PDB file of N, CA and C in Angstrom:
ATOM      1  N   MET A   1      42.642 -27.931 127.905  1.00  0.00           N
ATOM      2  CA  MET A   1      42.391 -27.318 126.046  1.00  0.00           C
ATOM      3  C   MET A   1      41.568 -26.074 126.382  1.00  0.00           C
ATOM      4  N   ILE A   2      41.252 -25.002 126.306  1.00  0.00           N
ATOM      5  CA  ILE A   2      40.633 -24.447 126.883  1.00  0.00           C
ATOM      6  C   ILE A   2      39.639 -23.675 126.379  1.00  0.00           C
ATOM      7  N   MET A   3      37.910 -24.000 127.358  1.00  0.00           N
ATOM      8  CA  MET A   3      36.670 -23.812 126.186  1.00  0.00           C
ATOM      9  C   MET A   3      36.348 -22.235 124.733  1.00  0.00           C
ATOM     10  N   MET A   4      36.393 -22.051 124.115  1.00  0.00           N
ATOM     11  CA  MET A   4      36.777 -20.571 123.604  1.00  0.00           C
ATOM     12  C   MET A   4      35.245 -20.177 123.612  1.00  0.00           C
ATOM     13  N   THR A   5      34.986 -19.384 124.248  1.00  0.00           N
ATOM     14  CA  THR A   5      33.783 -18.681 124.181  1.00  0.00           C
ATOM     15  C   THR A   5      33.637 -17.901 123.397  1.00  0.00           C
ATOM     16  N   ALA A   6      32.978 -16.984 123.189  1.00  0.00           N
ATOM     17  CA  ALA A   6      32.586 -15.803 121.836  1.00  0.00           C
ATOM     18  C   ALA A   6      33.226 -14.265 122.135  1.00  0.00           C
ATOM     19  N   ARG A   7      33.850 -14.523 123.239  1.00  0.00           N
ATOM     20  CA  ARG A   7      34.897 -12.720 123.731  1.00  0.00           C
ATOM     21  C   ARG A   7      36.213 -13.557 123.413  1.00  0.00           C
ATOM     22  N   LYS A   8      36.850 -15.058 123.395  1.00  0.00           N
ATOM     23  CA  LYS A   8      38.135 -15.991 123.320  1.00  0.00           C
ATOM     24  C   LYS A   8      38.098 -16.022 122.268  1.00  0.00           C
ATOM     25  N   ILE A   9      37.890 -16.008 121.101  1.00  0.00           N
ATOM     26  CA  ILE A   9      37.260 -16.250 120.243  1.00  0.00           C
ATOM     27  C   ILE A   9      37.642 -14.966 119.708  1.00  0.00           C
ATOM     28  N   ARG A  10      36.918 -13.726 119.689  1.00  0.00           N
ATOM     29  CA  ARG A  10      37.069 -12.595 118.780  1.00  0.00           C
ATOM     30  C   ARG A  10      38.871 -11.910 119.643  1.00  0.00           C
ATOM     31  N   ALA A  11      38.407 -11.863 121.407  1.00  0.00           N
ATOM     32  CA  ALA A  11      39.945 -11.467 121.160  1.00  0.00           C
ATOM     33  C   ALA A  11      41.037 -12.270 120.611  1.00  0.00           C
ATOM     34  N   LEU A  12      41.149 -13.940 120.131  1.00  0.00           N
ATOM     35  CA  LEU A  12      42.086 -14.248 119.353  1.00  0.00           C
ATOM     36  C   LEU A  12      42.772 -13.571 117.439  1.00  0.00           C
ATOM     37  N   ARG A  13      41.233 -13.052 117.243  1.00  0.00           N
ATOM     38  CA  ARG A  13      41.195 -12.643 116.715  1.00  0.00           C
ATOM     39  C   ARG A  13      41.511 -12.155 115.916  1.00  0.00           C
ATOM     40  N   THR A  14      41.551 -10.211 117.017  1.00  0.00           N
ATOM     41  CA  THR A  14      42.688  -9.461 116.752  1.00  0.00           C
ATOM     42  C   THR A  14      43.914  -9.352 117.369  1.00  0.00           C
ATOM     43  N   ALA A  15      44.164 -10.124 118.772  1.00  0.00           N
ATOM     44  CA  ALA A  15      45.403 -10.229 119.193  1.00  0.00           C
ATOM     45  C   ALA A  15      46.075 -10.680 117.524  1.00  0.00           C
ATOM     46  N   LEU A  16      45.586 -11.413 116.504  1.00  0.00           N
ATOM     47  CA  LEU A  16      46.474 -11.816 115.647  1.00  0.00           C
ATOM     48  C   LEU A  16      46.274 -10.403 114.636  1.00  0.00           C
ATOM     49  N   LYS A  17      45.920  -9.503 114.346  1.00  0.00           N
ATOM     50  CA  LYS A  17      44.951  -8.626 113.970  1.00  0.00           C
ATOM     51  C   LYS A  17      44.660  -9.576 112.071  1.00  0.00           C
ATOM     52  N   LEU A  18      43.505 -10.062 112.429  1.00  0.00           N
ATOM     53  CA  LEU A  18      42.808 -10.550 111.829  1.00  0.00           C
ATOM     54  C   LEU A  18      41.190  -9.854 111.747  1.00  0.00           C
ATOM     55  N   THR A  19      41.508  -9.387 109.836  1.00  0.00           N
ATOM     56  CA  THR A  19      40.344  -9.016 109.681  1.00  0.00           C
ATOM     57  C   THR A  19      39.383 -10.816 110.253  1.00  0.00           C
ATOM     58  N   GLN A  20      37.207 -11.020 109.758  1.00  0.00           N
ATOM     59  CA  GLN A  20      37.058 -11.949 110.590  1.00  0.00           C
ATOM     60  C   GLN A  20      37.205 -12.402 109.056  1.00  0.00           C
ATOM     61  N   THR A  21      37.530 -12.387 107.963  1.00  0.00           N
ATOM     62  CA  THR A  21      37.395 -12.433 106.756  1.00  0.00           C
ATOM     63  C   THR A  21      38.561 -13.690 106.623  1.00  0.00           C
ATOM     64  N   ALA A  22      39.930 -12.789 107.224  1.00  0.00           N
ATOM     65  CA  ALA A  22      41.236 -13.047 107.283  1.00  0.00           C
ATOM     66  C   ALA A  22      41.233 -14.946 108.021  1.00  0.00           C
ATOM     67  N   PHE A  23      41.167 -14.843 108.931  1.00  0.00           N
ATOM     68  CA  PHE A  23      40.560 -15.633 110.370  1.00  0.00           C
ATOM     69  C   PHE A  23      39.307 -17.220 109.804  1.00  0.00           C
ATOM     70  N   ALA A  24      38.331 -17.206 108.371  1.00  0.00           N
ATOM     71  CA  ALA A  24      37.931 -17.484 108.573  1.00  0.00           C
ATOM     72  C   ALA A  24      38.912 -18.364 107.441  1.00  0.00           C
ATOM     73  N   VAL A  25      39.342 -17.988 106.284  1.00  0.00           N
ATOM     74  CA  VAL A  25      40.398 -18.378 105.991  1.00  0.00           C
ATOM     75  C   VAL A  25      41.561 -19.498 106.515  1.00  0.00           C
ATOM     76  N   LYS A  26      42.239 -18.888 107.632  1.00  0.00           N
ATOM     77  CA  LYS A  26      43.131 -19.157 108.480  1.00  0.00           C
ATOM     78  C   LYS A  26      42.094 -21.284 108.987  1.00  0.00           C
ATOM     79  N   MET A  27      40.654 -20.838 109.284  1.00  0.00           N
ATOM     80  CA  MET A  27      40.213 -21.528 110.001  1.00  0.00           C
ATOM     81  C   MET A  27      39.801 -22.692 109.384  1.00  0.00           C
ATOM     82  N   HIS A  28      39.419 -22.160 108.333  1.00  0.00           N
ATOM     83  CA  HIS A  28      38.429 -23.238 106.580  1.00  0.00           C
ATOM     84  C   HIS A  28      37.385 -23.091 106.918  1.00  0.00           C
ATOM     85  N   VAL A  29      36.447 -21.916 107.233  1.00  0.00           N
ATOM     86  CA  VAL A  29      35.195 -21.908 107.102  1.00  0.00           C
ATOM     87  C   VAL A  29      34.507 -20.754 106.336  1.00  0.00           C
ATOM     88  N   CYS A  30      33.194 -20.592 106.524  1.00  0.00           N
ATOM     89  CA  CYS A  30      33.170 -18.628 105.178  1.00  0.00           C
ATOM     90  C   CYS A  30      33.063 -18.074 106.534  1.00  0.00           C
ATOM     91  N   GLN A  31      32.978 -16.594 106.093  1.00  0.00           N
ATOM     92  CA  GLN A  31      33.132 -15.536 106.970  1.00  0.00           C
ATOM     93  C   GLN A  31      31.680 -14.906 108.230  1.00  0.00           C
ATOM     94  N   ASN A  32      30.693 -15.495 107.556  1.00  0.00           N
ATOM     95  CA  ASN A  32      29.447 -15.747 108.687  1.00  0.00           C
ATOM     96  C   ASN A  32      30.098 -17.112 109.623  1.00  0.00           C
ATOM     97  N   THR A  33      31.361 -18.011 109.428  1.00  0.00           N
ATOM     98  CA  THR A  33      30.355 -18.184 111.096  1.00  0.00           C
ATOM     99  C   THR A  33      31.795 -18.094 112.091  1.00  0.00           C
ATOM    100  N   ILE A  34      32.495 -17.193 111.170  1.00  0.00           N
ATOM    101  CA  ILE A  34      33.537 -16.859 112.422  1.00  0.00           C
ATOM    102  C   ILE A  34      32.778 -15.597 113.421  1.00  0.00           C
ATOM    103  N   ALA A  35      32.459 -14.907 112.287  1.00  0.00           N
ATOM    104  CA  ALA A  35      30.594 -13.939 112.960  1.00  0.00           C
ATOM    105  C   ALA A  35      29.749 -15.057 113.646  1.00  0.00           C
ATOM    106  N   ARG A  36      29.129 -15.480 113.984  1.00  0.00           N
ATOM    107  CA  ARG A  36      28.363 -16.662 114.904  1.00  0.00           C
ATOM    108  C   ARG A  36      28.657 -16.817 115.332  1.00  0.00           C
ATOM    109  N   TRP A  37      30.282 -16.767 115.924  1.00  0.00           N
ATOM    110  CA  TRP A  37      30.744 -17.685 116.506  1.00  0.00           C
ATOM    111  C   TRP A  37      30.756 -16.467 117.257  1.00  0.00           C
ATOM    112  N   GLU A  38      31.368 -15.270 117.374  1.00  0.00           N
ATOM    113  CA  GLU A  38      32.156 -14.059 118.003  1.00  0.00           C
ATOM    114  C   GLU A  38      30.015 -13.538 118.264  1.00  0.00           C
ATOM    115  N   LEU A  39      29.068 -13.745 117.932  1.00  0.00           N
ATOM    116  CA  LEU A  39      28.025 -13.633 118.275  1.00  0.00           C
ATOM    117  C   LEU A  39      27.120 -14.296 119.059  1.00  0.00           C
ATOM    118  N   ASP A  40      27.960 -15.317 119.531  1.00  0.00           N
ATOM    119  CA  ASP A  40      27.585 -16.172 120.546  1.00  0.00           C
ATOM    120  C   ASP A  40      25.926 -17.039 120.466  1.00  0.00           C
ATOM    121  N   LEU A  41      26.250 -17.634 118.724  1.00  0.00           N
ATOM    122  CA  LEU A  41      25.067 -17.822 117.875  1.00  0.00           C
ATOM    123  C   LEU A  41      25.454 -18.963 117.700  1.00  0.00           C
ATOM    124  N   SER A  42      26.553 -19.810 117.420  1.00  0.00           N
ATOM    125  CA  SER A  42      26.962 -21.132 117.465  1.00  0.00           C
ATOM    126  C   SER A  42      28.495 -21.336 117.661  1.00  0.00           C
ATOM    127  N   HIS A  43      28.840 -22.387 117.593  1.00  0.00           N
ATOM    128  CA  HIS A  43      29.996 -23.122 118.610  1.00  0.00           C
ATOM    129  C   HIS A  43      30.572 -23.770 118.033  1.00  0.00           C
ATOM    130  N   PRO A  44      31.725 -23.421 117.936  1.00  0.00           N
ATOM    131  CA  PRO A  44      33.449 -24.040 117.599  1.00  0.00           C
ATOM    132  C   PRO A  44      32.800 -25.518 117.517  1.00  0.00           C
ATOM    133  N   THR A  45      33.434 -27.021 116.290  1.00  0.00           N
ATOM    134  CA  THR A  45      33.206 -27.570 116.874  1.00  0.00           C
ATOM    135  C   THR A  45      34.300 -28.146 117.125  1.00  0.00           C
ATOM    136  N   PHE A  46      34.708 -29.300 118.151  1.00  0.00           N
ATOM    137  CA  PHE A  46      35.660 -29.797 118.611  1.00  0.00           C
ATOM    138  C   PHE A  46      36.855 -29.772 118.489  1.00  0.00           C
ATOM    139  N   GLU A  47      37.059 -30.145 116.727  1.00  0.00           N
ATOM    140  CA  GLU A  47      38.453 -29.893 116.223  1.00  0.00           C
ATOM    141  C   GLU A  47      38.900 -28.409 115.763  1.00  0.00           C
ATOM    142  N   ARG A  48      37.632 -27.619 115.968  1.00  0.00           N
ATOM    143  CA  ARG A  48      37.894 -25.968 115.779  1.00  0.00           C
ATOM    144  C   ARG A  48      38.167 -25.522 116.897  1.00  0.00           C
ATOM    145  N   GLN A  49      37.694 -26.506 117.745  1.00  0.00           N
ATOM    146  CA  GLN A  49      38.271 -25.516 119.105  1.00  0.00           C
ATOM    147  C   GLN A  49      39.740 -25.587 119.362  1.00  0.00           C
ATOM    148  N   ARG A  50      40.105 -26.844 118.591  1.00  0.00           N
ATOM    149  CA  ARG A  50      41.474 -27.104 119.060  1.00  0.00           C
ATOM    150  C   ARG A  50      42.291 -26.217 118.071  1.00  0.00           C
ATOM    151  N   ARG A  51      41.990 -26.212 117.191  1.00  0.00           N
ATOM    152  CA  ARG A  51      42.548 -25.863 116.043  1.00  0.00           C
ATOM    153  C   ARG A  51      43.579 -23.705 116.468  1.00  0.00           C
ATOM    154  N   LEU A  52      42.127 -23.426 116.973  1.00  0.00           N
ATOM    155  CA  LEU A  52      41.922 -21.533 117.775  1.00  0.00           C
ATOM    156  C   LEU A  52      42.781 -22.154 118.892  1.00  0.00           C
ATOM    157  N   ASN A  53      42.796 -22.854 120.099  1.00  0.00           N
ATOM    158  CA  ASN A  53      43.842 -23.749 120.815  1.00  0.00           C
ATOM    159  C   ASN A  53      45.271 -23.869 120.814  1.00  0.00           C
ATOM    160  N   ASP A  54      45.393 -23.928 119.330  1.00  0.00           N
ATOM    161  CA  ASP A  54      46.444 -24.018 118.349  1.00  0.00           C
ATOM    162  C   ASP A  54      47.773 -22.899 118.181  1.00  0.00           C
ATOM    163  N   MET A  55      46.524 -22.728 117.692  1.00  0.00           N
ATOM    164  CA  MET A  55      46.460 -20.526 116.975  1.00  0.00           C
ATOM    165  C   MET A  55      47.007 -19.533 118.382  1.00  0.00           C
ATOM    166  N   ALA A  56      46.789 -20.144 119.241  1.00  0.00           N
ATOM    167  CA  ALA A  56      46.285 -18.886 121.300  1.00  0.00           C
ATOM    168  C   ALA A  56      47.590 -19.240 121.496  1.00  0.00           C
ATOM    169  N   THR A  57      48.077 -21.087 121.278  1.00  0.00           N
ATOM    170  CA  THR A  57      48.516 -21.548 121.995  1.00  0.00           C
ATOM    171  C   THR A  57      50.451 -20.698 121.090  1.00  0.00           C
ATOM    172  N   ALA A  58      50.605 -21.147 119.504  1.00  0.00           N
ATOM    173  CA  ALA A  58      51.514 -20.419 118.611  1.00  0.00           C
ATOM    174  C   ALA A  58      51.920 -19.033 119.127  1.00  0.00           C
ATOM    175  N   ALA A  59      51.385 -18.306 119.387  1.00  0.00           N
ATOM    176  CA  ALA A  59      51.108 -17.152 118.802  1.00  0.00           C
ATOM    177  C   ALA A  59      51.419 -16.595 120.507  1.00  0.00           C
ATOM    178  N   ARG A  60      50.882 -17.943 121.704  1.00  0.00           N
ATOM    179  CA  ARG A  60      52.114 -17.216 122.622  1.00  0.00           C
ATOM    180  C   ARG A  60      50.712 -15.709 122.935  1.00  0.00           C
ATOM    181  N   ILE A  61      49.617 -16.313 122.730  1.00  0.00           N
ATOM    182  CA  ILE A  61      48.315 -15.573 123.520  1.00  0.00           C
ATOM    183  C   ILE A  61      47.652 -15.414 124.989  1.00  0.00           C
ATOM    184  N   ASP A  62      47.433 -14.995 125.958  1.00  0.00           N
ATOM    185  CA  ASP A  62      46.761 -15.529 126.929  1.00  0.00           C
ATOM    186  C   ASP A  62      45.683 -15.133 126.980  1.00  0.00           C
ATOM    187  N   LEU A  63      45.084 -16.579 126.901  1.00  0.00           N
ATOM    188  CA  LEU A  63      43.197 -15.686 126.115  1.00  0.00           C
ATOM    189  C   LEU A  63      41.972 -16.377 128.142  1.00  0.00           C
ATOM    190  N   ASN A  64      42.983 -16.566 128.838  1.00  0.00           N
ATOM    191  CA  ASN A  64      42.431 -16.388 130.602  1.00  0.00           C
ATOM    192  C   ASN A  64      42.508 -15.328 130.959  1.00  0.00           C
TER     193      ASN A  64
END
């Protein structure tokens, strides 16, 4: 599992062509949470990390 940094979370969201709001809906969090993750002010839980990795894998997005 790839550790999702702020840069990787933003890269995933933009590769999926989603706004922070749309990405938040997919992640079952509020838009402010996505903003905090992307600004490196907070970090996703293990479950959310796994969900982010699953999304990247399903979309064949390389975040390395």
